[in-house]
N, C-alpha and C. Protein backbone atom coordinates (compact mmCIF):
# COMPACT_ATOMS: atom_id res chain seq x y z
N UNK A 1 24.94 1.41 -61.88
CA UNK A 1 25.06 2.11 -60.62
C UNK A 1 24.25 1.42 -59.52
N UNK A 2 23.12 0.84 -59.90
CA UNK A 2 22.26 0.23 -58.89
C UNK A 2 22.91 -1.00 -58.27
N UNK A 3 23.84 -1.63 -58.97
CA UNK A 3 24.46 -2.85 -58.45
C UNK A 3 25.66 -2.56 -57.56
N UNK A 4 26.05 -1.31 -57.44
CA UNK A 4 27.23 -0.96 -56.65
C UNK A 4 26.94 -1.19 -55.18
N UNK A 5 27.94 -1.69 -54.45
CA UNK A 5 27.74 -1.89 -53.02
C UNK A 5 27.68 -0.55 -52.29
N UNK A 6 27.31 -0.60 -51.05
CA UNK A 6 27.15 0.64 -50.27
C UNK A 6 28.45 1.43 -50.21
N UNK A 7 29.57 0.77 -50.04
CA UNK A 7 30.85 1.46 -49.97
C UNK A 7 31.68 1.12 -51.19
N UNK A 8 31.20 1.47 -52.33
CA UNK A 8 31.91 1.16 -53.55
C UNK A 8 31.91 2.33 -54.50
N UNK A 9 32.63 2.15 -55.58
CA UNK A 9 32.68 3.19 -56.61
C UNK A 9 32.77 2.51 -57.97
N UNK A 10 32.64 3.30 -58.99
CA UNK A 10 32.79 2.84 -60.37
C UNK A 10 34.01 3.57 -60.93
N UNK A 11 34.94 2.83 -61.49
CA UNK A 11 36.08 3.45 -62.16
C UNK A 11 35.98 3.12 -63.64
N UNK A 12 36.29 4.11 -64.47
CA UNK A 12 36.16 3.92 -65.91
C UNK A 12 37.25 4.68 -66.64
N UNK A 13 37.74 4.05 -67.70
CA UNK A 13 38.67 4.74 -68.61
C UNK A 13 37.85 5.20 -69.81
N UNK A 14 38.15 6.37 -70.32
CA UNK A 14 37.39 6.92 -71.45
C UNK A 14 38.37 7.50 -72.46
N UNK A 15 38.16 7.18 -73.73
CA UNK A 15 39.00 7.66 -74.81
C UNK A 15 38.18 8.52 -75.75
N UNK A 16 38.74 9.65 -76.16
CA UNK A 16 38.08 10.49 -77.15
C UNK A 16 39.11 10.98 -78.15
N UNK A 17 38.64 11.37 -79.33
CA UNK A 17 39.55 11.82 -80.38
C UNK A 17 39.97 10.68 -81.27
N UNK A 18 40.76 11.00 -82.29
CA UNK A 18 41.20 10.02 -83.27
C UNK A 18 42.72 9.95 -83.33
N UNK A 19 43.27 8.76 -83.55
CA UNK A 19 44.70 8.58 -83.78
C UNK A 19 45.57 9.22 -82.72
N UNK A 20 46.62 9.91 -83.17
CA UNK A 20 47.55 10.55 -82.24
C UNK A 20 46.91 11.74 -81.53
N UNK A 21 45.80 12.22 -82.06
CA UNK A 21 45.08 13.32 -81.41
C UNK A 21 44.17 12.81 -80.30
N UNK A 22 44.02 11.49 -80.21
CA UNK A 22 43.17 10.90 -79.18
C UNK A 22 43.78 11.04 -77.79
N UNK A 23 42.95 10.86 -76.80
CA UNK A 23 43.41 11.04 -75.42
C UNK A 23 42.58 10.19 -74.47
N UNK A 24 43.23 9.64 -73.44
CA UNK A 24 42.58 8.85 -72.40
C UNK A 24 42.45 9.66 -71.12
N UNK A 25 41.31 9.51 -70.45
CA UNK A 25 41.11 10.05 -69.11
C UNK A 25 40.48 8.95 -68.25
N UNK A 26 40.54 9.12 -66.94
CA UNK A 26 39.91 8.17 -66.02
C UNK A 26 38.84 8.90 -65.21
N UNK A 27 37.75 8.19 -64.95
CA UNK A 27 36.68 8.70 -64.10
C UNK A 27 36.57 7.80 -62.88
N UNK A 28 36.28 8.38 -61.73
CA UNK A 28 35.90 7.62 -60.55
C UNK A 28 34.56 8.20 -60.09
N UNK A 29 33.59 7.32 -59.93
CA UNK A 29 32.20 7.75 -59.68
C UNK A 29 31.73 7.15 -58.36
N UNK A 30 31.20 8.00 -57.50
CA UNK A 30 30.63 7.59 -56.22
C UNK A 30 29.13 7.88 -56.27
N UNK A 31 28.31 6.94 -56.75
CA UNK A 31 26.87 7.21 -56.87
C UNK A 31 26.21 7.57 -55.54
N UNK A 32 26.62 6.90 -54.45
CA UNK A 32 26.01 7.15 -53.14
C UNK A 32 26.25 8.57 -52.66
N UNK A 33 27.37 9.15 -53.09
CA UNK A 33 27.75 10.50 -52.65
C UNK A 33 27.35 11.57 -53.67
N UNK A 34 26.87 11.16 -54.84
CA UNK A 34 26.49 12.12 -55.87
C UNK A 34 27.68 12.85 -56.47
N UNK A 35 28.83 12.18 -56.51
CA UNK A 35 30.05 12.84 -56.98
C UNK A 35 30.83 11.96 -57.95
N UNK A 36 31.59 12.65 -58.82
CA UNK A 36 32.50 11.98 -59.74
C UNK A 36 33.71 12.87 -59.95
N UNK A 37 34.84 12.26 -60.29
CA UNK A 37 36.08 13.00 -60.55
C UNK A 37 36.66 12.55 -61.87
N UNK A 38 37.31 13.48 -62.53
CA UNK A 38 38.02 13.18 -63.77
C UNK A 38 39.51 13.29 -63.48
N UNK A 39 40.25 12.25 -63.84
CA UNK A 39 41.71 12.28 -63.76
C UNK A 39 42.23 12.46 -65.17
N UNK A 40 42.80 13.61 -65.45
CA UNK A 40 43.28 13.94 -66.79
C UNK A 40 44.76 14.32 -66.69
N UNK A 41 45.61 13.60 -67.41
CA UNK A 41 47.05 13.82 -67.32
C UNK A 41 47.53 15.01 -68.15
N UNK A 42 46.67 15.59 -68.98
CA UNK A 42 47.08 16.77 -69.75
C UNK A 42 47.20 17.98 -68.83
N UNK A 43 48.18 18.79 -69.09
CA UNK A 43 48.36 20.00 -68.28
C UNK A 43 47.28 21.03 -68.59
N UNK A 44 46.79 21.04 -69.82
CA UNK A 44 45.66 21.89 -70.23
C UNK A 44 44.56 20.96 -70.74
N UNK A 45 43.69 20.47 -69.88
CA UNK A 45 42.68 19.48 -70.28
C UNK A 45 41.74 19.96 -71.38
N UNK A 46 41.32 19.03 -72.21
CA UNK A 46 40.34 19.29 -73.26
C UNK A 46 38.97 18.92 -72.70
N UNK A 47 38.33 19.86 -72.03
CA UNK A 47 37.07 19.58 -71.33
C UNK A 47 35.96 19.17 -72.29
N UNK A 48 35.99 19.67 -73.52
CA UNK A 48 34.97 19.30 -74.50
C UNK A 48 35.10 17.85 -74.91
N UNK A 49 36.31 17.30 -74.81
CA UNK A 49 36.57 15.93 -75.25
C UNK A 49 35.76 14.88 -74.52
N UNK A 50 35.58 15.05 -73.21
CA UNK A 50 34.83 14.04 -72.47
C UNK A 50 33.44 14.51 -72.05
N UNK A 51 32.95 15.53 -72.69
CA UNK A 51 31.59 16.02 -72.41
C UNK A 51 30.53 14.95 -72.67
N UNK A 52 30.70 14.17 -73.74
CA UNK A 52 29.72 13.12 -74.07
C UNK A 52 29.61 12.11 -72.93
N UNK A 53 30.75 11.74 -72.34
CA UNK A 53 30.72 10.79 -71.22
C UNK A 53 30.03 11.42 -70.01
N UNK A 54 30.35 12.68 -69.75
CA UNK A 54 29.72 13.38 -68.62
C UNK A 54 28.21 13.47 -68.81
N UNK A 55 27.76 13.76 -70.03
CA UNK A 55 26.32 13.84 -70.31
C UNK A 55 25.65 12.50 -70.04
N UNK A 56 26.29 11.42 -70.47
CA UNK A 56 25.76 10.06 -70.24
C UNK A 56 25.67 9.79 -68.73
N UNK A 57 26.71 10.17 -68.02
CA UNK A 57 26.76 9.98 -66.58
C UNK A 57 25.65 10.75 -65.88
N UNK A 58 25.40 11.96 -66.31
CA UNK A 58 24.34 12.78 -65.70
C UNK A 58 22.96 12.13 -65.88
N UNK A 59 22.70 11.64 -67.08
CA UNK A 59 21.41 10.98 -67.36
C UNK A 59 21.27 9.73 -66.50
N UNK A 60 22.33 8.91 -66.45
CA UNK A 60 22.28 7.68 -65.66
C UNK A 60 22.08 7.99 -64.18
N UNK A 61 22.72 9.04 -63.71
CA UNK A 61 22.60 9.38 -62.29
C UNK A 61 21.18 9.84 -61.93
N UNK A 62 20.56 10.60 -62.82
CA UNK A 62 19.18 11.02 -62.56
C UNK A 62 18.27 9.81 -62.40
N UNK A 63 18.48 8.78 -63.21
CA UNK A 63 17.68 7.55 -63.10
C UNK A 63 18.01 6.82 -61.80
N UNK A 64 19.28 6.84 -61.43
CA UNK A 64 19.73 6.17 -60.20
C UNK A 64 19.02 6.75 -58.97
N UNK A 65 19.01 8.07 -58.83
CA UNK A 65 18.42 8.67 -57.63
C UNK A 65 16.89 8.61 -57.61
N UNK A 66 16.28 8.37 -58.76
CA UNK A 66 14.81 8.21 -58.79
C UNK A 66 14.38 6.91 -58.15
N UNK A 67 15.26 5.92 -58.17
CA UNK A 67 14.94 4.61 -57.62
C UNK A 67 14.87 4.69 -56.09
N UNK A 68 13.74 4.34 -55.49
CA UNK A 68 13.61 4.44 -54.02
C UNK A 68 14.55 3.49 -53.28
N UNK A 69 15.09 2.47 -53.96
CA UNK A 69 15.98 1.53 -53.30
C UNK A 69 17.46 1.88 -53.46
N UNK A 70 17.76 2.99 -54.12
CA UNK A 70 19.17 3.36 -54.29
C UNK A 70 19.74 3.79 -52.94
N UNK A 71 21.01 3.51 -52.74
CA UNK A 71 21.66 3.91 -51.50
C UNK A 71 22.15 5.34 -51.66
N UNK A 72 21.66 6.23 -50.81
CA UNK A 72 21.93 7.67 -50.95
C UNK A 72 22.46 8.21 -49.64
N UNK A 73 23.74 8.57 -49.61
CA UNK A 73 24.30 9.13 -48.37
C UNK A 73 24.67 10.61 -48.55
N UNK A 74 24.04 11.27 -49.51
CA UNK A 74 24.28 12.71 -49.70
C UNK A 74 23.66 13.46 -48.52
N UNK A 75 24.30 14.55 -48.13
CA UNK A 75 23.75 15.36 -47.04
C UNK A 75 22.53 16.12 -47.55
N UNK A 76 21.71 16.60 -46.64
CA UNK A 76 20.52 17.36 -47.02
C UNK A 76 20.92 18.65 -47.75
N UNK A 77 22.00 19.29 -47.29
CA UNK A 77 22.49 20.50 -47.96
C UNK A 77 22.90 20.21 -49.40
N UNK A 78 23.60 19.09 -49.59
CA UNK A 78 24.05 18.70 -50.93
C UNK A 78 22.83 18.44 -51.83
N UNK A 79 21.84 17.73 -51.29
CA UNK A 79 20.62 17.43 -52.06
C UNK A 79 19.89 18.71 -52.44
N UNK A 80 19.81 19.65 -51.50
CA UNK A 80 19.12 20.91 -51.78
C UNK A 80 19.84 21.71 -52.87
N UNK A 81 21.15 21.68 -52.83
CA UNK A 81 21.93 22.46 -53.79
C UNK A 81 21.98 21.81 -55.18
N UNK A 82 22.15 20.49 -55.22
CA UNK A 82 22.39 19.80 -56.50
C UNK A 82 21.19 18.99 -57.00
N UNK A 83 20.15 18.89 -56.18
CA UNK A 83 18.94 18.13 -56.57
C UNK A 83 19.33 16.72 -57.01
N UNK A 84 18.91 16.34 -58.22
CA UNK A 84 19.22 15.01 -58.75
C UNK A 84 20.38 15.03 -59.72
N UNK A 85 21.27 16.00 -59.57
CA UNK A 85 22.42 16.11 -60.47
C UNK A 85 23.68 15.62 -59.76
N UNK A 86 24.52 14.93 -60.52
CA UNK A 86 25.81 14.49 -59.99
C UNK A 86 26.82 15.63 -60.12
N UNK A 87 27.63 15.80 -59.13
CA UNK A 87 28.66 16.86 -59.17
C UNK A 87 29.95 16.23 -59.70
N UNK A 88 30.42 16.76 -60.83
CA UNK A 88 31.62 16.22 -61.48
C UNK A 88 32.77 17.21 -61.29
N UNK A 89 33.83 16.75 -60.67
CA UNK A 89 35.00 17.61 -60.48
C UNK A 89 36.02 17.30 -61.58
N UNK A 90 36.25 18.25 -62.43
CA UNK A 90 37.13 18.06 -63.59
C UNK A 90 38.60 18.33 -63.29
N UNK A 91 38.87 19.22 -62.39
CA UNK A 91 40.25 19.64 -62.14
C UNK A 91 40.86 18.94 -60.93
N UNK A 92 40.53 17.69 -60.76
CA UNK A 92 41.03 16.95 -59.60
C UNK A 92 42.54 16.79 -59.73
N UNK A 93 43.31 17.09 -58.66
CA UNK A 93 44.77 17.00 -58.75
C UNK A 93 45.23 15.58 -59.06
N UNK A 94 46.10 15.46 -60.04
CA UNK A 94 46.65 14.16 -60.41
C UNK A 94 47.97 14.37 -61.15
N UNK A 95 48.70 13.29 -61.33
CA UNK A 95 49.99 13.36 -62.03
C UNK A 95 49.76 13.80 -63.47
N UNK A 96 50.70 14.57 -63.99
CA UNK A 96 50.59 15.09 -65.36
C UNK A 96 51.70 14.51 -66.23
N UNK A 97 51.34 14.22 -67.47
CA UNK A 97 52.31 13.68 -68.41
C UNK A 97 53.21 14.78 -68.95
N UNK A 98 54.43 14.44 -69.37
CA UNK A 98 55.31 15.46 -69.95
C UNK A 98 54.67 16.09 -71.19
N UNK A 99 54.91 17.36 -71.39
CA UNK A 99 54.35 18.08 -72.54
C UNK A 99 54.81 17.41 -73.84
N UNK A 100 53.87 17.18 -74.74
CA UNK A 100 54.18 16.59 -76.04
C UNK A 100 54.28 15.08 -76.05
N UNK A 101 54.13 14.44 -74.90
CA UNK A 101 54.23 12.97 -74.86
C UNK A 101 52.88 12.33 -75.16
N UNK A 102 52.90 11.06 -75.47
CA UNK A 102 51.70 10.29 -75.78
C UNK A 102 51.49 9.20 -74.72
N UNK A 103 51.68 9.53 -73.47
CA UNK A 103 51.65 8.52 -72.41
C UNK A 103 50.36 8.54 -71.59
N UNK A 104 49.33 9.18 -72.09
CA UNK A 104 48.09 9.31 -71.32
C UNK A 104 47.51 7.95 -70.93
N UNK A 105 47.63 6.95 -71.79
CA UNK A 105 47.10 5.61 -71.47
C UNK A 105 47.77 5.00 -70.26
N UNK A 106 49.09 5.18 -70.15
CA UNK A 106 49.81 4.67 -68.98
C UNK A 106 49.37 5.40 -67.72
N UNK A 107 49.18 6.70 -67.81
CA UNK A 107 48.71 7.47 -66.66
C UNK A 107 47.33 7.00 -66.21
N UNK A 108 46.45 6.74 -67.16
CA UNK A 108 45.11 6.25 -66.82
C UNK A 108 45.20 4.91 -66.11
N UNK A 109 46.06 4.01 -66.59
CA UNK A 109 46.24 2.72 -65.92
C UNK A 109 46.70 2.92 -64.48
N UNK A 110 47.63 3.85 -64.29
CA UNK A 110 48.11 4.15 -62.93
C UNK A 110 47.00 4.74 -62.06
N UNK A 111 46.21 5.66 -62.62
CA UNK A 111 45.10 6.25 -61.85
C UNK A 111 44.13 5.15 -61.41
N UNK A 112 43.78 4.26 -62.35
CA UNK A 112 42.82 3.20 -62.03
C UNK A 112 43.38 2.27 -60.97
N UNK A 113 44.66 1.97 -61.06
CA UNK A 113 45.30 1.09 -60.07
C UNK A 113 45.28 1.75 -58.68
N UNK A 114 45.60 3.03 -58.61
CA UNK A 114 45.64 3.74 -57.34
C UNK A 114 44.24 3.99 -56.76
N UNK A 115 43.25 4.13 -57.62
CA UNK A 115 41.89 4.45 -57.16
C UNK A 115 41.29 3.36 -56.28
N UNK A 116 41.78 2.13 -56.39
CA UNK A 116 41.21 1.06 -55.56
C UNK A 116 41.38 1.35 -54.07
N UNK A 117 42.41 2.13 -53.73
CA UNK A 117 42.61 2.51 -52.32
C UNK A 117 41.53 3.49 -51.83
N UNK A 118 40.89 4.16 -52.77
CA UNK A 118 39.93 5.21 -52.43
C UNK A 118 38.51 4.85 -52.86
N UNK A 119 38.24 3.55 -52.90
CA UNK A 119 36.96 3.10 -53.45
C UNK A 119 35.79 3.21 -52.49
N UNK A 120 36.05 3.39 -51.20
CA UNK A 120 34.94 3.33 -50.25
C UNK A 120 34.06 4.58 -50.25
N UNK A 121 34.65 5.76 -50.45
CA UNK A 121 33.82 6.96 -50.45
C UNK A 121 34.56 8.15 -51.04
N UNK A 122 33.78 9.16 -51.38
CA UNK A 122 34.32 10.42 -51.88
C UNK A 122 35.23 11.06 -50.84
N UNK A 123 34.86 10.98 -49.57
CA UNK A 123 35.66 11.61 -48.51
C UNK A 123 37.06 11.00 -48.42
N UNK A 124 37.13 9.69 -48.59
CA UNK A 124 38.43 9.02 -48.53
C UNK A 124 39.32 9.53 -49.66
N UNK A 125 38.76 9.68 -50.85
CA UNK A 125 39.53 10.22 -51.99
C UNK A 125 39.94 11.66 -51.71
N UNK A 126 39.00 12.45 -51.22
CA UNK A 126 39.28 13.87 -50.95
C UNK A 126 40.38 14.02 -49.90
N UNK A 127 40.36 13.17 -48.87
CA UNK A 127 41.39 13.22 -47.83
C UNK A 127 42.75 12.75 -48.33
N UNK A 128 42.76 11.92 -49.36
CA UNK A 128 44.02 11.44 -49.94
C UNK A 128 44.41 12.25 -51.16
N UNK A 129 44.07 13.52 -51.16
CA UNK A 129 44.22 14.39 -52.31
C UNK A 129 45.58 14.35 -52.98
N UNK A 130 46.63 14.19 -52.23
CA UNK A 130 47.98 14.25 -52.81
C UNK A 130 48.63 12.89 -53.00
N UNK A 131 47.82 11.82 -53.11
CA UNK A 131 48.39 10.49 -53.27
C UNK A 131 49.33 10.40 -54.46
N UNK A 132 49.02 11.10 -55.51
CA UNK A 132 49.82 10.99 -56.74
C UNK A 132 51.22 11.56 -56.56
N UNK A 133 51.39 12.48 -55.63
CA UNK A 133 52.74 13.01 -55.38
C UNK A 133 53.63 11.94 -54.76
N UNK A 134 53.03 11.08 -53.92
CA UNK A 134 53.80 10.00 -53.31
C UNK A 134 54.25 8.97 -54.34
N UNK A 135 53.43 8.75 -55.35
CA UNK A 135 53.73 7.76 -56.38
C UNK A 135 54.84 8.26 -57.31
N UNK A 136 54.99 9.56 -57.42
CA UNK A 136 55.96 10.20 -58.31
C UNK A 136 55.79 9.71 -59.74
N UNK A 137 54.54 9.76 -60.22
CA UNK A 137 54.23 9.26 -61.55
C UNK A 137 54.93 10.02 -62.66
N UNK A 138 55.30 11.27 -62.42
CA UNK A 138 55.95 12.01 -63.50
C UNK A 138 57.29 11.38 -63.86
N UNK A 139 57.95 10.77 -62.89
CA UNK A 139 59.21 10.08 -63.16
C UNK A 139 59.02 8.56 -63.21
N UNK A 140 57.80 8.14 -63.13
CA UNK A 140 57.47 6.73 -63.04
C UNK A 140 57.77 6.03 -64.36
N UNK A 141 58.31 4.85 -64.28
CA UNK A 141 58.63 4.11 -65.50
C UNK A 141 57.47 3.20 -65.92
N UNK A 142 56.41 3.18 -65.14
CA UNK A 142 55.22 2.38 -65.46
C UNK A 142 55.54 0.89 -65.58
N UNK A 143 56.49 0.41 -64.80
CA UNK A 143 56.89 -1.00 -64.89
C UNK A 143 55.71 -1.94 -64.65
N UNK A 144 54.91 -1.67 -63.62
CA UNK A 144 53.82 -2.58 -63.31
C UNK A 144 52.78 -2.57 -64.43
N UNK A 145 52.49 -1.41 -64.99
CA UNK A 145 51.52 -1.34 -66.09
C UNK A 145 52.02 -2.10 -67.30
N UNK A 146 53.30 -1.94 -67.62
CA UNK A 146 53.89 -2.68 -68.75
C UNK A 146 53.84 -4.18 -68.49
N UNK A 147 54.16 -4.57 -67.28
CA UNK A 147 54.11 -5.99 -66.93
C UNK A 147 52.69 -6.53 -67.03
N UNK A 148 51.71 -5.76 -66.58
CA UNK A 148 50.30 -6.19 -66.67
C UNK A 148 49.86 -6.35 -68.12
N UNK A 149 50.28 -5.41 -68.98
CA UNK A 149 49.93 -5.49 -70.40
C UNK A 149 50.56 -6.73 -71.03
N UNK A 150 51.84 -6.97 -70.73
CA UNK A 150 52.52 -8.15 -71.27
C UNK A 150 51.85 -9.44 -70.80
N UNK A 151 51.49 -9.47 -69.52
CA UNK A 151 50.81 -10.67 -68.98
C UNK A 151 49.47 -10.88 -69.67
N UNK A 152 48.72 -9.81 -69.88
CA UNK A 152 47.43 -9.94 -70.56
C UNK A 152 47.63 -10.46 -71.98
N UNK A 153 48.58 -9.88 -72.71
CA UNK A 153 48.81 -10.31 -74.09
C UNK A 153 49.22 -11.77 -74.13
N UNK A 154 50.17 -12.18 -73.26
CA UNK A 154 50.62 -13.57 -73.25
C UNK A 154 49.50 -14.53 -72.86
N UNK A 155 48.77 -14.21 -71.80
CA UNK A 155 47.76 -15.12 -71.26
C UNK A 155 46.45 -15.13 -72.04
N UNK A 156 46.04 -13.99 -72.59
CA UNK A 156 44.71 -13.89 -73.19
C UNK A 156 44.70 -13.76 -74.72
N UNK A 157 45.84 -13.40 -75.32
CA UNK A 157 45.85 -13.17 -76.77
C UNK A 157 46.77 -14.14 -77.51
N UNK A 158 47.93 -14.41 -76.96
CA UNK A 158 48.94 -15.22 -77.64
C UNK A 158 48.75 -16.71 -77.38
N UNK A 159 48.36 -17.07 -76.20
CA UNK A 159 48.22 -18.48 -75.81
C UNK A 159 47.11 -19.15 -76.61
N UNK A 160 47.47 -20.23 -77.26
CA UNK A 160 46.52 -20.97 -78.10
C UNK A 160 45.29 -21.39 -77.29
N UNK A 161 44.11 -21.08 -77.82
CA UNK A 161 42.86 -21.43 -77.16
C UNK A 161 42.39 -20.42 -76.12
N UNK A 162 43.15 -19.36 -75.91
CA UNK A 162 42.77 -18.37 -74.90
C UNK A 162 41.65 -17.46 -75.44
N UNK A 163 41.15 -16.61 -74.57
CA UNK A 163 39.97 -15.79 -74.84
C UNK A 163 40.05 -15.01 -76.15
N UNK A 164 41.16 -14.32 -76.40
CA UNK A 164 41.26 -13.45 -77.57
C UNK A 164 42.22 -13.99 -78.64
N UNK A 165 42.52 -15.28 -78.57
CA UNK A 165 43.41 -15.89 -79.57
C UNK A 165 42.67 -15.96 -80.91
N UNK A 166 43.30 -15.45 -81.95
CA UNK A 166 42.70 -15.42 -83.29
C UNK A 166 43.15 -16.65 -84.06
N UNK A 167 42.25 -17.58 -84.28
CA UNK A 167 42.55 -18.85 -84.97
C UNK A 167 42.99 -18.65 -86.42
N UNK A 168 42.68 -17.50 -87.01
CA UNK A 168 43.01 -17.24 -88.41
C UNK A 168 44.23 -16.35 -88.59
N UNK A 169 44.89 -16.00 -87.52
CA UNK A 169 46.04 -15.09 -87.61
C UNK A 169 47.30 -15.85 -88.00
N UNK A 170 48.33 -15.10 -88.37
CA UNK A 170 49.62 -15.71 -88.69
C UNK A 170 50.20 -16.40 -87.46
N UNK A 171 49.95 -15.83 -86.29
CA UNK A 171 50.41 -16.45 -85.05
C UNK A 171 49.86 -17.87 -84.91
N UNK A 172 48.61 -18.08 -85.31
CA UNK A 172 47.96 -19.38 -85.18
C UNK A 172 48.37 -20.35 -86.29
N UNK A 173 48.73 -19.83 -87.46
CA UNK A 173 48.95 -20.66 -88.64
C UNK A 173 50.42 -21.02 -88.87
N UNK A 174 51.30 -20.05 -88.76
CA UNK A 174 52.70 -20.26 -89.14
C UNK A 174 53.47 -21.08 -88.10
N UNK A 175 54.23 -22.09 -88.58
CA UNK A 175 55.01 -22.94 -87.66
C UNK A 175 56.06 -22.16 -86.85
N UNK A 176 56.59 -21.08 -87.39
CA UNK A 176 57.64 -20.34 -86.68
C UNK A 176 57.13 -19.72 -85.36
N UNK A 177 55.81 -19.61 -85.19
CA UNK A 177 55.23 -19.05 -83.97
C UNK A 177 54.72 -20.10 -82.99
N UNK A 178 55.00 -21.38 -83.28
CA UNK A 178 54.47 -22.45 -82.43
C UNK A 178 54.94 -22.32 -80.98
N UNK A 179 56.22 -22.05 -80.76
CA UNK A 179 56.73 -21.90 -79.39
C UNK A 179 56.04 -20.76 -78.66
N UNK A 180 55.74 -19.68 -79.39
CA UNK A 180 55.11 -18.52 -78.77
C UNK A 180 53.67 -18.81 -78.38
N UNK A 181 52.91 -19.42 -79.28
CA UNK A 181 51.49 -19.68 -78.96
C UNK A 181 51.31 -20.81 -77.95
N UNK A 182 52.37 -21.60 -77.72
CA UNK A 182 52.33 -22.66 -76.71
C UNK A 182 53.37 -22.36 -75.62
N UNK A 183 53.53 -21.09 -75.31
CA UNK A 183 54.61 -20.65 -74.43
C UNK A 183 54.64 -21.30 -73.05
N UNK A 184 53.50 -21.67 -72.43
CA UNK A 184 53.61 -22.26 -71.09
C UNK A 184 54.34 -23.61 -71.08
N UNK A 185 54.25 -24.37 -72.19
CA UNK A 185 54.86 -25.70 -72.21
C UNK A 185 56.14 -25.75 -73.05
N UNK A 186 56.35 -24.78 -73.93
CA UNK A 186 57.49 -24.86 -74.85
C UNK A 186 58.59 -23.83 -74.56
N UNK A 187 58.40 -22.95 -73.59
CA UNK A 187 59.41 -21.94 -73.30
C UNK A 187 59.79 -22.00 -71.83
N UNK A 188 61.03 -21.63 -71.55
CA UNK A 188 61.48 -21.53 -70.16
C UNK A 188 61.09 -20.15 -69.63
N UNK A 189 60.91 -20.00 -68.31
CA UNK A 189 60.51 -18.71 -67.75
C UNK A 189 61.42 -17.56 -68.17
N UNK A 190 62.74 -17.78 -68.27
CA UNK A 190 63.63 -16.68 -68.63
C UNK A 190 63.42 -16.22 -70.09
N UNK A 191 62.81 -17.06 -70.93
CA UNK A 191 62.54 -16.65 -72.32
C UNK A 191 61.50 -15.55 -72.39
N UNK A 192 60.63 -15.45 -71.41
CA UNK A 192 59.58 -14.44 -71.44
C UNK A 192 59.54 -13.58 -70.18
N UNK A 193 60.70 -13.47 -69.50
CA UNK A 193 60.74 -12.63 -68.30
C UNK A 193 60.65 -11.17 -68.68
N UNK A 194 60.20 -10.35 -67.73
CA UNK A 194 59.99 -8.93 -67.98
C UNK A 194 61.07 -8.10 -67.29
N UNK A 195 62.27 -8.62 -67.22
CA UNK A 195 63.34 -7.96 -66.51
C UNK A 195 63.72 -6.59 -67.05
N UNK A 196 63.57 -6.37 -68.33
CA UNK A 196 63.98 -5.09 -68.92
C UNK A 196 62.81 -4.20 -69.27
N UNK A 197 61.64 -4.50 -68.71
CA UNK A 197 60.46 -3.69 -69.00
C UNK A 197 60.58 -2.34 -68.34
């Protein structure tokens, strides 16, 4: 928090639970304003699920405001009411996933992508309260998120010598995967286009 610029925020994705019972949420934190929001795509949020993250955030924030060099733009009324506690808004309006679906991860990616527009302050986010209605995420096909995931996998995991390339995997060892692991030089662009994503 101490490294954040004066007009900046921290965005974070958080996962809790196990397997298919697991769930992703997004947080946007404005240390200078003493505020944080939770973006949860469930129609009935599991507030206990992300309590551990909130507790961590509260402890970190108390340390942040103790530092005399921290940038603090909270009003005097806010300081009097909340002291050294961060105010976390859990029910912040956001797009909701269809009931019974497992698409929370895609929603979190969309929330994080959209949050960059509201990174300067809590007020900017509050004034843009209905941004998610404009995006129409409930009918959204998540094309950009899918494309970003494919690009990450191709560039950082599949490409030989890249950051997350596993030298001991079948992809690295078997000759049938040579074109894939050397895709920039051995494949034409149409072989890996994302036209049907």
